Amino acid sequence: MLRRAGVVGSGRVCAVEVLSAVTKLRSHTLRLGLKYEGSVVGAPTSLIMKMGHLRDGRPPYGNRREIGFYRNVASALPDRLAPRCYETADATEAGPWRLLLEDLTDTHFIATEHPLPPALPQCRSAIQAWGRLHAALWDDPRSSVFLGRSANAVWTQYFNSSAERFARFMDRFGEAMPAQRRALYERLLDSAIPLLARFDEGRNLTLIHGDAHWWNCFLPRDDQHEQVRLLDWEDWTIGAGATDLAYMMAMLWFPDRRRRIEQPLLDFYHDVLVARGVRAYSRQILAEDYRRSVLLLMLRPIWQATNNLPARVWWPNLERNFLAVDDLDCRELLV
């Protein structure tokens, strides 16, 4: 794999050691230490192997979206916003998918332990990275080509699937959903057409990460020579860039912190877009996109719950997002 990627020259890998391993719901992540024979100047001494599970001898999940990102999209992004990918492999009947990635352990770090929020300077570094990402493919027709669908098609399908997900959620957790909140969800699902009209315009859209939490941001240990790297591209899609920001702040922060620094960080994000050449996207349009995104994120905890994520994940997300809906008067956007 490394020879195909052009990083080992005439040398060869003579030993591989598993330095650490993490198992998640849909993948294993292994940190591999490498030893070489021959001339391998500049070759990596460690790598990250991210790979799928095997159940009953077959891979249950193909991770096509993330594989497609590294094959087709990552090279279109500036300043190596994502880790370098040396190899991708699709799942087969007999074997799981895999990604062979740059190991950032020695050069980058995750700011805090979940669920603690990062310090403000670290937040600004992460927000700047999201701004660079969004500006890079702002209104770029390649985004739809990469994904194979328009933003309107993506979000229409999401709404349609969310209605079924909400019914399943209520069957399992309806006791935890007061009548007033259930009515709000029903209003949201009934408001698909006016909310999705934003995507009909085909403007001010970009590639979004889709799982933009703070712990998918690797911050550089030496910010003079490195940039923030963004990880875990399993849910990237097309939409309003504000969706990634609402995920990070409205859904993951309690009101006291969010009220203090949410708007200054949105100001900073808008400045990053403008500095990177985004035009005809005012701060007011960003505010409207952000409020709309907070509404759409009401559906995310429903998906998390029906995907069997632990309640310690989806329940606080649901509660925090409801508080943001109230603070930002998001109900005004519903029919």
Protein backbone atom coordinates (compact mmCIF):
# COMPACT_ATOMS: atom_id res chain seq x y z
CA MET A 1 0.00 0.00 0.00
CA LEU A 2 2.73 2.46 0.95
CA ARG A 3 4.68 1.69 -2.21
CA ARG A 4 1.61 2.42 -4.32
CA ALA A 5 1.30 5.71 -2.41
CA GLY A 6 4.92 6.52 -3.25
CA VAL A 7 6.25 6.88 0.29
CA VAL A 8 8.63 3.94 0.84
CA GLY A 9 10.98 4.19 -2.12
CA SER A 10 13.02 1.01 -2.54
CA GLY A 11 12.52 -0.11 1.06
CA ARG A 12 9.86 -2.36 2.47
CA VAL A 13 7.84 -2.82 5.63
CA CYS A 14 9.31 -5.68 7.63
CA ALA A 15 7.17 -5.53 10.80
CA VAL A 16 3.84 -4.11 11.95
CA GLU A 17 2.81 -3.70 15.59
CA VAL A 18 -0.62 -2.72 16.89
CA LEU A 19 0.10 0.19 19.24
CA SER A 20 -3.52 0.82 20.24
CA ALA A 21 -7.04 -0.11 19.18
CA VAL A 22 -10.47 1.46 19.61
CA THR A 23 -13.76 -0.26 18.74
CA LYS A 24 -16.81 1.84 17.89
CA LEU A 25 -20.31 1.04 16.73
CA ARG A 26 -19.42 0.85 13.03
CA SER A 27 -15.63 0.51 12.92
CA HIS A 28 -12.32 -0.46 14.46
CA THR A 29 -9.48 2.06 14.55
CA LEU A 30 -5.97 0.65 14.94
CA ARG A 31 -2.77 2.61 15.40
CA LEU A 32 0.02 0.66 13.70
CA GLY A 33 3.74 1.03 14.33
CA LEU A 34 5.95 0.21 11.33
CA LYS A 35 9.53 -1.02 10.93
CA TYR A 36 11.36 -0.94 7.62
CA GLU A 37 14.22 -2.49 5.72
CA GLY A 38 16.11 -0.56 3.07
CA SER A 39 15.97 3.12 2.15
CA VAL A 40 12.76 4.69 3.41
CA VAL A 41 13.62 8.34 4.04
CA GLY A 42 10.48 10.22 5.09
CA ALA A 43 8.28 7.13 5.34
CA PRO A 44 5.72 7.19 8.17
CA THR A 45 6.68 5.33 11.35
CA SER A 46 3.03 4.81 12.26
CA LEU A 47 -0.35 4.77 10.53
CA ILE A 48 -4.03 4.64 11.35
CA MET A 49 -6.01 1.72 9.96
CA LYS A 50 -9.74 2.35 10.14
CA MET A 51 -11.79 -0.66 9.15
CA GLY A 52 -15.25 -2.16 9.37
CA HIS A 53 -16.58 -5.00 11.47
CA LEU A 54 -17.25 -8.54 10.36
CA ARG A 55 -20.41 -10.16 11.68
CA ASP A 56 -21.38 -13.68 10.75
CA GLY A 57 -18.48 -13.62 8.31
CA ARG A 58 -19.82 -10.64 6.36
CA PRO A 59 -19.39 -6.86 6.64
CA PRO A 60 -22.69 -5.29 7.77
CA TYR A 61 -21.72 -1.73 6.79
CA GLY A 62 -19.82 -0.53 3.75
CA ASN A 63 -18.88 3.06 4.73
CA ARG A 64 -19.16 4.09 1.09
CA ARG A 65 -19.54 7.77 1.95
CA GLU A 66 -16.19 8.08 3.76
CA ILE A 67 -14.37 5.93 1.20
CA GLY A 68 -15.81 8.14 -1.54
CA PHE A 69 -14.66 11.23 0.34
CA TYR A 70 -11.04 10.13 0.44
CA ARG A 71 -11.09 8.89 -3.15
CA ASN A 72 -12.80 11.85 -4.76
CA VAL A 73 -13.22 14.85 -2.48
CA ALA A 74 -10.23 15.22 -0.16
CA SER A 75 -7.88 16.28 -2.95
CA ALA A 76 -10.21 19.21 -3.78
CA LEU A 77 -9.80 20.68 -0.30
CA PRO A 78 -7.09 23.20 0.62
CA ASP A 79 -4.27 22.93 3.11
CA ARG A 80 -4.81 19.28 3.92
CA LEU A 81 -7.91 19.80 6.00
CA ALA A 82 -8.29 16.02 6.22
CA PRO A 83 -5.60 13.44 7.07
CA ARG A 84 -3.67 12.03 4.16
CA CYS A 85 -5.17 8.76 2.95
CA TYR A 86 -2.74 6.17 1.59
CA GLU A 87 -5.23 3.47 0.61
CA THR A 88 -8.95 2.76 0.45
CA ALA A 89 -10.68 -0.60 0.08
CA ASP A 90 -14.37 -1.34 -0.34
CA ALA A 91 -16.16 -3.97 1.70
CA THR A 92 -16.56 -7.32 -0.02
CA GLU A 93 -18.59 -10.42 0.80
CA ALA A 94 -15.60 -11.76 2.69
CA GLY A 95 -13.84 -8.68 4.02
CA PRO A 96 -14.58 -5.30 5.62
CA TRP A 97 -13.82 -1.90 4.17
CA ARG A 98 -10.66 -0.14 5.27
CA LEU A 99 -8.84 3.17 5.17
CA LEU A 100 -5.11 3.58 5.70
CA LEU A 101 -4.61 7.10 7.06
CA GLU A 102 -1.92 9.47 8.23
CA ASP A 103 -1.29 9.13 11.98
CA LEU A 104 -1.70 12.54 13.62
CA THR A 105 -1.03 11.41 17.19
CA ASP A 106 2.34 13.12 17.51
CA THR A 107 1.43 16.35 15.70
CA HIS A 108 -2.20 16.96 16.75
CA PHE A 109 -4.48 16.51 19.74
CA ILE A 110 -8.15 16.56 20.71
CA ALA A 111 -8.76 19.62 22.87
CA THR A 112 -10.88 18.09 25.64
CA GLU A 113 -12.45 14.92 26.88
CA HIS A 114 -16.06 14.55 25.77
CA PRO A 115 -18.31 16.33 26.69
CA LEU A 116 -16.20 19.25 27.95
CA PRO A 117 -16.12 22.21 25.53
CA PRO A 118 -12.77 23.53 24.29
CA ALA A 119 -11.31 26.85 25.40
CA LEU A 120 -12.27 29.85 23.29
CA PRO A 121 -8.97 30.04 21.31
CA GLN A 122 -9.37 26.34 20.46
CA CYS A 123 -12.96 26.97 19.39
CA ARG A 124 -11.78 29.72 17.07
CA SER A 125 -9.18 27.39 15.52
CA ALA A 126 -11.85 24.78 14.86
CA ILE A 127 -14.33 27.33 13.50
CA GLN A 128 -11.64 28.65 11.17
CA ALA A 129 -11.14 25.13 9.82
CA TRP A 130 -14.86 24.73 9.16
CA GLY A 131 -14.84 28.09 7.40
CA ARG A 132 -11.93 26.99 5.20
CA LEU A 133 -13.75 23.75 4.39
CA HIS A 134 -17.02 25.44 3.48
CA ALA A 135 -15.42 28.24 1.48
CA ALA A 136 -13.37 25.75 -0.56
CA LEU A 137 -16.45 24.25 -2.25
CA TRP A 138 -18.93 27.11 -1.84
CA ASP A 139 -21.48 26.91 -4.67
CA ASP A 140 -19.10 24.54 -6.43
CA PRO A 141 -20.91 22.22 -8.89
CA ARG A 142 -18.42 19.49 -8.03
CA SER A 143 -20.16 18.99 -4.68
CA SER A 144 -23.27 17.53 -6.33
CA VAL A 145 -21.08 15.50 -8.68
CA PHE A 146 -19.11 14.06 -5.75
CA LEU A 147 -22.29 13.12 -3.90
CA GLY A 148 -24.30 12.11 -6.94
CA ARG A 149 -27.38 14.04 -5.80
CA SER A 150 -28.57 17.60 -5.30
CA ALA A 151 -28.93 19.20 -1.89
CA ASN A 152 -32.71 19.24 -2.31
CA ALA A 153 -32.78 15.50 -3.03
CA VAL A 154 -30.54 14.77 -0.04
CA TRP A 155 -32.61 16.73 2.46
CA THR A 156 -35.97 15.63 1.06
CA GLN A 157 -34.95 12.02 1.59
CA TYR A 158 -33.72 12.91 5.07
CA PHE A 159 -37.07 14.41 6.00
CA ASN A 160 -38.99 11.46 4.60
CA SER A 161 -36.85 8.98 6.51
CA SER A 162 -37.05 11.11 9.66
CA ALA A 163 -40.83 10.76 9.80
CA GLU A 164 -40.47 6.99 10.02
CA ARG A 165 -37.63 7.35 12.52
CA PHE A 166 -39.73 9.60 14.73
CA ALA A 167 -42.54 7.03 14.80
CA ARG A 168 -40.04 4.37 15.92
CA PHE A 169 -38.59 6.75 18.50
CA MET A 170 -42.02 7.42 19.98
CA ASP A 171 -42.74 3.70 20.20
CA ARG A 172 -39.62 3.24 22.33
CA PHE A 173 -39.22 6.54 24.15
CA GLY A 174 -42.58 8.27 23.92
CA GLU A 175 -42.83 8.51 27.69
CA ALA A 176 -39.88 10.92 27.63
CA MET A 177 -41.51 13.20 25.06
CA PRO A 178 -44.13 15.59 26.53
CA ALA A 179 -47.11 16.43 24.34
CA GLN A 180 -45.85 19.96 23.64
CA ARG A 181 -42.53 18.68 22.33
CA ARG A 182 -44.19 15.97 20.29
CA ALA A 183 -46.35 18.65 18.69
CA LEU A 184 -43.22 20.64 17.83
CA TYR A 185 -41.69 17.62 16.11
CA GLU A 186 -44.89 17.10 14.15
CA ARG A 187 -44.82 20.77 13.08
CA LEU A 188 -41.20 20.36 11.99
CA LEU A 189 -41.97 17.28 9.90
CA ASP A 190 -44.97 19.06 8.36
CA SER A 191 -42.75 22.04 7.44
CA ALA A 192 -40.49 20.16 5.05
CA ILE A 193 -41.52 22.13 1.95
CA PRO A 194 -40.88 25.67 3.31
CA LEU A 195 -37.69 24.63 5.10
CA LEU A 196 -36.32 22.84 2.06
CA ALA A 197 -37.14 25.79 -0.19
CA ARG A 198 -33.78 27.15 0.97
CA PHE A 199 -32.13 24.41 -1.10
CA ASP A 200 -34.26 25.01 -4.19
CA GLU A 201 -32.29 28.18 -4.86
CA GLY A 202 -29.08 26.20 -5.39
CA ARG A 203 -27.04 29.04 -3.91
CA ASN A 204 -24.92 29.48 -0.78
CA LEU A 205 -24.52 25.73 -0.49
CA THR A 206 -21.37 23.77 0.19
CA LEU A 207 -19.96 20.46 1.29
CA ILE A 208 -20.65 19.90 5.00
CA HIS A 209 -19.11 17.38 7.35
CA GLY A 210 -22.37 16.17 8.90
CA ASP A 211 -20.83 15.01 12.22
CA ALA A 212 -19.12 18.23 13.19
CA HIS A 213 -18.48 17.77 16.88
CA TRP A 214 -15.43 19.18 18.62
CA TRP A 215 -13.82 15.76 19.01
CA ASN A 216 -13.63 15.30 15.25
CA CYS A 217 -11.27 18.30 15.17
CA PHE A 218 -7.57 17.54 15.67
CA LEU A 219 -5.77 20.69 16.78
CA PRO A 220 -2.06 21.15 15.94
CA ARG A 221 0.50 20.91 18.72
CA ASP A 222 2.63 23.35 16.71
CA ASP A 223 0.29 25.83 15.07
CA GLN A 224 3.18 27.53 13.30
CA HIS A 225 3.67 24.53 11.02
CA GLU A 226 0.42 22.56 11.11
CA GLN A 227 -3.29 23.14 10.48
CA VAL A 228 -6.40 21.75 12.13
CA ARG A 229 -7.37 18.38 10.65
CA LEU A 230 -11.01 17.26 10.40
CA LEU A 231 -11.73 13.56 10.93
CA ASP A 232 -14.47 10.95 10.40
CA TRP A 233 -16.10 11.78 7.09
CA GLU A 234 -18.82 9.13 7.19
CA ASP A 235 -21.72 11.62 7.02
CA TRP A 236 -20.55 14.38 4.66
CA THR A 237 -23.20 15.81 2.39
CA ILE A 238 -24.30 19.09 0.74
CA GLY A 239 -26.14 21.82 2.59
CA ALA A 240 -25.77 25.08 4.47
CA GLY A 241 -22.42 25.45 6.19
CA ALA A 242 -24.25 26.70 9.27
CA THR A 243 -25.44 23.14 9.87
CA ASP A 244 -21.95 22.12 11.00
CA LEU A 245 -21.77 25.14 13.32
CA ALA A 246 -25.20 24.48 14.84
CA TYR A 247 -24.14 20.89 15.51
CA MET A 248 -21.07 22.11 17.41
CA MET A 249 -22.75 24.83 19.45
CA ALA A 250 -26.54 24.54 19.60
CA MET A 251 -26.62 20.80 20.09
CA LEU A 252 -23.46 20.33 22.16
CA TRP A 253 -23.32 23.37 24.45
CA PHE A 254 -25.45 24.24 27.43
CA PRO A 255 -27.11 27.67 27.27
CA ASP A 256 -24.75 29.64 29.51
CA ARG A 257 -21.71 28.99 27.32
CA ARG A 258 -23.61 29.14 24.04
CA ARG A 259 -25.18 32.51 24.86
CA ARG A 260 -21.78 34.00 25.69
CA ILE A 261 -19.76 33.00 22.63
CA GLU A 262 -22.14 31.64 19.97
CA GLN A 263 -22.65 34.97 18.17
CA PRO A 264 -18.98 36.08 18.32
CA LEU A 265 -17.98 32.73 16.81
CA LEU A 266 -20.58 33.12 14.06
CA ASP A 267 -19.14 36.60 13.37
CA PHE A 268 -15.68 35.06 13.15
CA TYR A 269 -16.89 32.28 10.83
CA HIS A 270 -18.47 34.85 8.52
CA ASP A 271 -15.19 36.79 8.44
CA VAL A 272 -13.37 33.58 7.43
CA LEU A 273 -15.81 33.02 4.55
CA VAL A 274 -15.42 36.59 3.30
CA ALA A 275 -11.63 36.41 3.54
CA ARG A 276 -11.75 33.23 1.43
CA GLY A 277 -13.77 34.86 -1.32
CA VAL A 278 -17.40 34.01 -0.45
CA ARG A 279 -19.62 36.81 -1.73
CA ALA A 280 -23.34 37.62 -1.56
CA TYR A 281 -23.67 35.81 1.77
CA SER A 282 -24.45 38.38 4.41
CA ARG A 283 -24.22 37.97 8.16
CA GLN A 284 -28.03 38.11 8.23
CA ILE A 285 -28.34 35.19 5.82
CA LEU A 286 -25.90 33.25 8.01
CA ALA A 287 -28.10 33.98 11.05
CA GLU A 288 -31.16 32.67 9.22
CA ASP A 289 -29.30 29.55 8.06
CA TYR A 290 -28.11 28.96 11.61
CA ARG A 291 -31.62 29.12 13.06
CA ARG A 292 -32.92 26.84 10.32
CA SER A 293 -30.09 24.42 11.03
CA VAL A 294 -30.96 24.34 14.73
CA LEU A 295 -34.46 23.24 13.75
CA LEU A 296 -33.15 20.54 11.42
CA LEU A 297 -30.85 19.27 14.17
CA MET A 298 -33.88 18.43 16.28
CA LEU A 299 -33.97 15.31 14.12
CA ARG A 300 -30.38 14.26 14.81
CA PRO A 301 -30.99 12.85 18.33
CA ILE A 302 -33.94 10.90 16.93
CA TRP A 303 -31.62 9.23 14.43
CA GLN A 304 -29.02 8.65 17.13
CA ALA A 305 -31.56 6.96 19.37
CA THR A 306 -32.98 4.78 16.61
CA ASN A 307 -29.42 3.83 15.59
CA ASN A 308 -29.03 2.48 19.14
CA LEU A 309 -26.51 5.02 20.36
CA PRO A 310 -26.45 5.19 24.15
CA ALA A 311 -28.96 7.47 25.82
CA ARG A 312 -26.05 9.35 27.39
CA VAL A 313 -25.32 10.61 23.85
CA TRP A 314 -28.71 11.38 22.32
CA TRP A 315 -30.65 12.51 25.38
CA PRO A 316 -28.41 15.51 26.30
CA ASN A 317 -28.22 16.41 22.60
CA LEU A 318 -32.01 16.48 22.41
CA GLU A 319 -32.35 18.59 25.54
CA ARG A 320 -29.66 21.12 24.58
CA ASN A 321 -31.06 21.50 21.10
CA PHE A 322 -34.54 22.21 22.44
CA LEU A 323 -33.06 24.98 24.61
CA ALA A 324 -31.39 26.50 21.54
CA VAL A 325 -34.68 26.35 19.60
CA ASP A 326 -36.27 28.39 22.38
CA ASP A 327 -33.40 30.88 22.70
CA LEU A 328 -33.26 31.60 18.97
CA ASP A 329 -37.04 31.73 18.39
CA CYS A 330 -36.73 28.98 15.77
CA ARG A 331 -40.46 28.15 15.94
CA GLU A 332 -41.08 31.26 13.85
CA LEU A 333 -39.65 29.40 10.86
CA LEU A 334 -42.27 26.63 11.03
CA VAL A 335 -45.63 26.55 9.31
